[in-house]
Amino acid sequence: RVETDIADLTAATRTSGGKLYRPDEAEALIDDLPAGRHAPTTRLPDVPLWNSWPVPVLFLALLASEWILRKRHGML
């Protein structure tokens, strides 16, 4: 079983400006947490790719190119 080195943890919290909580102090941890701030988010409009002609054409062109290259190199 591994024992907790309280002295090292206390030194680390002192150095970092933090606070050490033991398992029996979990309620205090929840109470000590600062209130969160509201982070505004923006939603970008959806862009339906398959409803515009360039995307399916590009897909078919890549598929045809792969087939042609495989055919020329005897991989089919």
N, C-alpha and C. Protein backbone atom coordinates (compact mmCIF):
# COMPACT_ATOMS: atom_id res chain seq x y z
N ARG A 1 0.84 -1.18 0.00
CA ARG A 1 0.00 0.00 0.00
C ARG A 1 0.89 1.24 0.00
N VAL A 2 0.51 2.23 -0.77
CA VAL A 2 1.27 3.47 -0.87
C VAL A 2 0.69 4.48 0.13
N GLU A 3 1.58 5.05 0.92
CA GLU A 3 1.16 6.06 1.91
C GLU A 3 1.29 7.46 1.31
N THR A 4 0.41 8.33 1.70
CA THR A 4 0.45 9.71 1.24
C THR A 4 1.50 10.49 2.02
N ASP A 5 2.34 11.22 1.30
CA ASP A 5 3.37 12.03 1.94
C ASP A 5 2.80 13.43 2.16
N ILE A 6 2.17 13.62 3.31
CA ILE A 6 1.49 14.87 3.62
C ILE A 6 2.47 16.05 3.65
N ALA A 7 3.68 15.82 4.16
CA ALA A 7 4.66 16.91 4.26
C ALA A 7 5.02 17.46 2.88
N ASP A 8 5.28 16.57 1.92
CA ASP A 8 5.61 17.02 0.56
C ASP A 8 4.42 17.70 -0.11
N LEU A 9 3.23 17.15 0.10
CA LEU A 9 2.04 17.76 -0.49
C LEU A 9 1.78 19.14 0.10
N THR A 10 1.98 19.28 1.40
CA THR A 10 1.81 20.58 2.04
C THR A 10 2.82 21.58 1.51
N ALA A 11 4.06 21.15 1.33
CA ALA A 11 5.08 22.04 0.77
C ALA A 11 4.72 22.45 -0.66
N ALA A 12 4.20 21.51 -1.43
CA ALA A 12 3.81 21.82 -2.81
C ALA A 12 2.66 22.82 -2.84
N THR A 13 1.69 22.66 -1.94
CA THR A 13 0.57 23.61 -1.91
C THR A 13 1.03 24.98 -1.45
N ARG A 14 1.96 25.03 -0.54
CA ARG A 14 2.50 26.31 -0.07
C ARG A 14 3.23 27.01 -1.22
N THR A 15 4.01 26.25 -1.98
CA THR A 15 4.76 26.83 -3.09
C THR A 15 3.83 27.33 -4.20
N SER A 16 2.80 26.55 -4.50
CA SER A 16 1.92 26.89 -5.62
C SER A 16 0.77 27.80 -5.23
N GLY A 17 0.59 28.02 -3.93
CA GLY A 17 -0.53 28.85 -3.50
C GLY A 17 -1.84 28.09 -3.49
N GLY A 18 -1.78 26.78 -3.52
CA GLY A 18 -2.97 25.95 -3.53
C GLY A 18 -3.39 25.54 -2.14
N LYS A 19 -4.25 24.55 -2.07
CA LYS A 19 -4.73 24.05 -0.79
C LYS A 19 -4.83 22.53 -0.87
N LEU A 20 -4.49 21.88 0.23
CA LEU A 20 -4.51 20.42 0.29
C LEU A 20 -5.81 19.95 0.92
N TYR A 21 -6.47 19.00 0.28
CA TYR A 21 -7.70 18.41 0.81
C TYR A 21 -7.49 16.92 0.98
N ARG A 22 -7.90 16.41 2.11
CA ARG A 22 -7.88 14.97 2.36
C ARG A 22 -9.24 14.40 1.99
N PRO A 23 -9.34 13.09 1.81
CA PRO A 23 -10.64 12.52 1.42
C PRO A 23 -11.78 12.87 2.38
N ASP A 24 -11.48 12.99 3.67
CA ASP A 24 -12.55 13.31 4.62
C ASP A 24 -12.94 14.79 4.57
N GLU A 25 -12.23 15.60 3.78
CA GLU A 25 -12.53 17.02 3.63
C GLU A 25 -13.12 17.33 2.26
N ALA A 26 -13.70 16.33 1.60
CA ALA A 26 -14.21 16.52 0.24
C ALA A 26 -15.33 17.56 0.19
N GLU A 27 -16.16 17.62 1.21
CA GLU A 27 -17.24 18.61 1.23
C GLU A 27 -16.68 20.03 1.24
N ALA A 28 -15.58 20.23 1.96
CA ALA A 28 -14.96 21.56 2.00
C ALA A 28 -14.42 21.94 0.63
N LEU A 29 -13.93 20.98 -0.11
CA LEU A 29 -13.42 21.25 -1.45
C LEU A 29 -14.54 21.80 -2.33
N ILE A 30 -15.69 21.17 -2.28
CA ILE A 30 -16.82 21.62 -3.10
C ILE A 30 -17.24 23.03 -2.69
N ASP A 31 -17.26 23.30 -1.38
CA ASP A 31 -17.65 24.62 -0.90
C ASP A 31 -16.62 25.69 -1.27
N ASP A 32 -15.35 25.33 -1.36
CA ASP A 32 -14.29 26.29 -1.63
C ASP A 32 -14.11 26.61 -3.12
N LEU A 33 -14.72 25.83 -3.99
CA LEU A 33 -14.58 26.09 -5.43
C LEU A 33 -15.23 27.43 -5.78
N PRO A 34 -14.56 28.26 -6.58
CA PRO A 34 -15.16 29.55 -6.95
C PRO A 34 -16.32 29.33 -7.92
N ALA A 35 -17.23 30.27 -7.92
CA ALA A 35 -18.36 30.19 -8.85
C ALA A 35 -17.83 30.35 -10.27
N GLY A 36 -18.36 29.58 -11.16
CA GLY A 36 -17.92 29.64 -12.55
C GLY A 36 -18.46 30.87 -13.26
N ARG A 37 -17.78 31.27 -14.31
CA ARG A 37 -18.23 32.40 -15.12
C ARG A 37 -18.95 31.86 -16.34
N HIS A 38 -19.88 32.64 -16.83
CA HIS A 38 -20.58 32.26 -18.04
C HIS A 38 -19.67 32.53 -19.24
N ALA A 39 -19.47 31.53 -20.04
CA ALA A 39 -18.64 31.68 -21.24
C ALA A 39 -19.58 31.74 -22.45
N PRO A 40 -19.66 32.89 -23.10
CA PRO A 40 -20.55 33.00 -24.25
C PRO A 40 -20.06 32.13 -25.41
N THR A 41 -20.98 31.52 -26.07
CA THR A 41 -20.64 30.69 -27.23
C THR A 41 -21.43 31.19 -28.43
N THR A 42 -20.87 31.00 -29.58
CA THR A 42 -21.58 31.35 -30.81
C THR A 42 -21.73 30.09 -31.64
N ARG A 43 -22.88 29.94 -32.23
CA ARG A 43 -23.14 28.77 -33.06
C ARG A 43 -23.03 29.19 -34.52
N LEU A 44 -22.17 28.51 -35.24
CA LEU A 44 -22.02 28.78 -36.66
C LEU A 44 -23.14 28.09 -37.42
N PRO A 45 -23.57 28.67 -38.51
CA PRO A 45 -24.64 28.03 -39.28
C PRO A 45 -24.17 26.71 -39.89
N ASP A 46 -25.08 25.76 -39.97
CA ASP A 46 -24.77 24.47 -40.59
C ASP A 46 -24.59 24.66 -42.10
N VAL A 47 -23.60 23.97 -42.65
CA VAL A 47 -23.35 24.02 -44.08
C VAL A 47 -23.57 22.61 -44.63
N PRO A 48 -24.68 22.39 -45.31
CA PRO A 48 -24.93 21.06 -45.87
C PRO A 48 -24.06 20.81 -47.10
N LEU A 49 -22.97 20.08 -46.92
CA LEU A 49 -22.02 19.87 -48.01
C LEU A 49 -22.61 19.12 -49.19
N TRP A 50 -23.43 18.13 -48.91
CA TRP A 50 -23.92 17.29 -50.00
C TRP A 50 -25.01 17.98 -50.81
N ASN A 51 -25.47 19.15 -50.36
CA ASN A 51 -26.49 19.87 -51.13
C ASN A 51 -25.89 20.85 -52.12
N SER A 52 -24.57 20.93 -52.19
CA SER A 52 -23.93 21.78 -53.19
C SER A 52 -23.17 20.87 -54.15
N TRP A 53 -23.15 21.21 -55.41
CA TRP A 53 -22.62 20.29 -56.43
C TRP A 53 -21.11 20.08 -56.37
N PRO A 54 -20.24 21.02 -55.93
CA PRO A 54 -18.79 20.76 -56.00
C PRO A 54 -18.31 19.59 -55.15
N VAL A 55 -18.91 19.37 -54.01
CA VAL A 55 -18.42 18.31 -53.12
C VAL A 55 -18.64 16.92 -53.71
N PRO A 56 -19.86 16.58 -54.16
CA PRO A 56 -20.02 15.25 -54.77
C PRO A 56 -19.19 15.08 -56.04
N VAL A 57 -19.04 16.15 -56.82
CA VAL A 57 -18.23 16.06 -58.05
C VAL A 57 -16.77 15.80 -57.69
N LEU A 58 -16.25 16.49 -56.68
CA LEU A 58 -14.88 16.27 -56.24
C LEU A 58 -14.70 14.84 -55.74
N PHE A 59 -15.66 14.35 -54.98
CA PHE A 59 -15.61 12.98 -54.47
C PHE A 59 -15.56 11.98 -55.62
N LEU A 60 -16.43 12.15 -56.60
CA LEU A 60 -16.45 11.23 -57.74
C LEU A 60 -15.17 11.35 -58.57
N ALA A 61 -14.62 12.56 -58.71
CA ALA A 61 -13.37 12.74 -59.45
C ALA A 61 -12.21 12.02 -58.76
N LEU A 62 -12.14 12.12 -57.44
CA LEU A 62 -11.09 11.41 -56.70
C LEU A 62 -11.25 9.90 -56.81
N LEU A 63 -12.47 9.44 -56.74
CA LEU A 63 -12.74 8.01 -56.86
C LEU A 63 -12.34 7.51 -58.25
N ALA A 64 -12.69 8.26 -59.29
CA ALA A 64 -12.34 7.88 -60.66
C ALA A 64 -10.82 7.92 -60.86
N SER A 65 -10.16 8.93 -60.28
CA SER A 65 -8.70 9.03 -60.40
C SER A 65 -8.02 7.83 -59.76
N GLU A 66 -8.50 7.43 -58.61
CA GLU A 66 -7.91 6.25 -57.95
C GLU A 66 -8.10 5.01 -58.82
N TRP A 67 -9.28 4.85 -59.40
CA TRP A 67 -9.56 3.69 -60.23
C TRP A 67 -8.65 3.68 -61.45
N ILE A 68 -8.46 4.85 -62.08
CA ILE A 68 -7.60 4.95 -63.27
C ILE A 68 -6.16 4.62 -62.92
N LEU A 69 -5.66 5.17 -61.81
CA LEU A 69 -4.28 4.88 -61.40
C LEU A 69 -4.09 3.40 -61.08
N ARG A 70 -5.03 2.80 -60.41
CA ARG A 70 -4.93 1.36 -60.12
C ARG A 70 -4.95 0.54 -61.41
N LYS A 71 -5.78 0.94 -62.36
CA LYS A 71 -5.89 0.21 -63.63
C LYS A 71 -4.56 0.30 -64.40
N ARG A 72 -3.94 1.49 -64.44
CA ARG A 72 -2.68 1.68 -65.16
C ARG A 72 -1.53 0.90 -64.54
N HIS A 73 -1.54 0.76 -63.23
CA HIS A 73 -0.45 0.07 -62.54
C HIS A 73 -0.75 -1.40 -62.29
N GLY A 74 -1.81 -1.91 -62.90
CA GLY A 74 -2.14 -3.32 -62.81
C GLY A 74 -2.57 -3.77 -61.42
N MET A 75 -3.17 -2.88 -60.69
CA MET A 75 -3.59 -3.23 -59.33
C MET A 75 -5.06 -3.62 -59.27
N LEU A 76 -5.72 -3.71 -60.42
CA LEU A 76 -7.11 -4.16 -60.45
C LEU A 76 -7.21 -5.53 -61.08
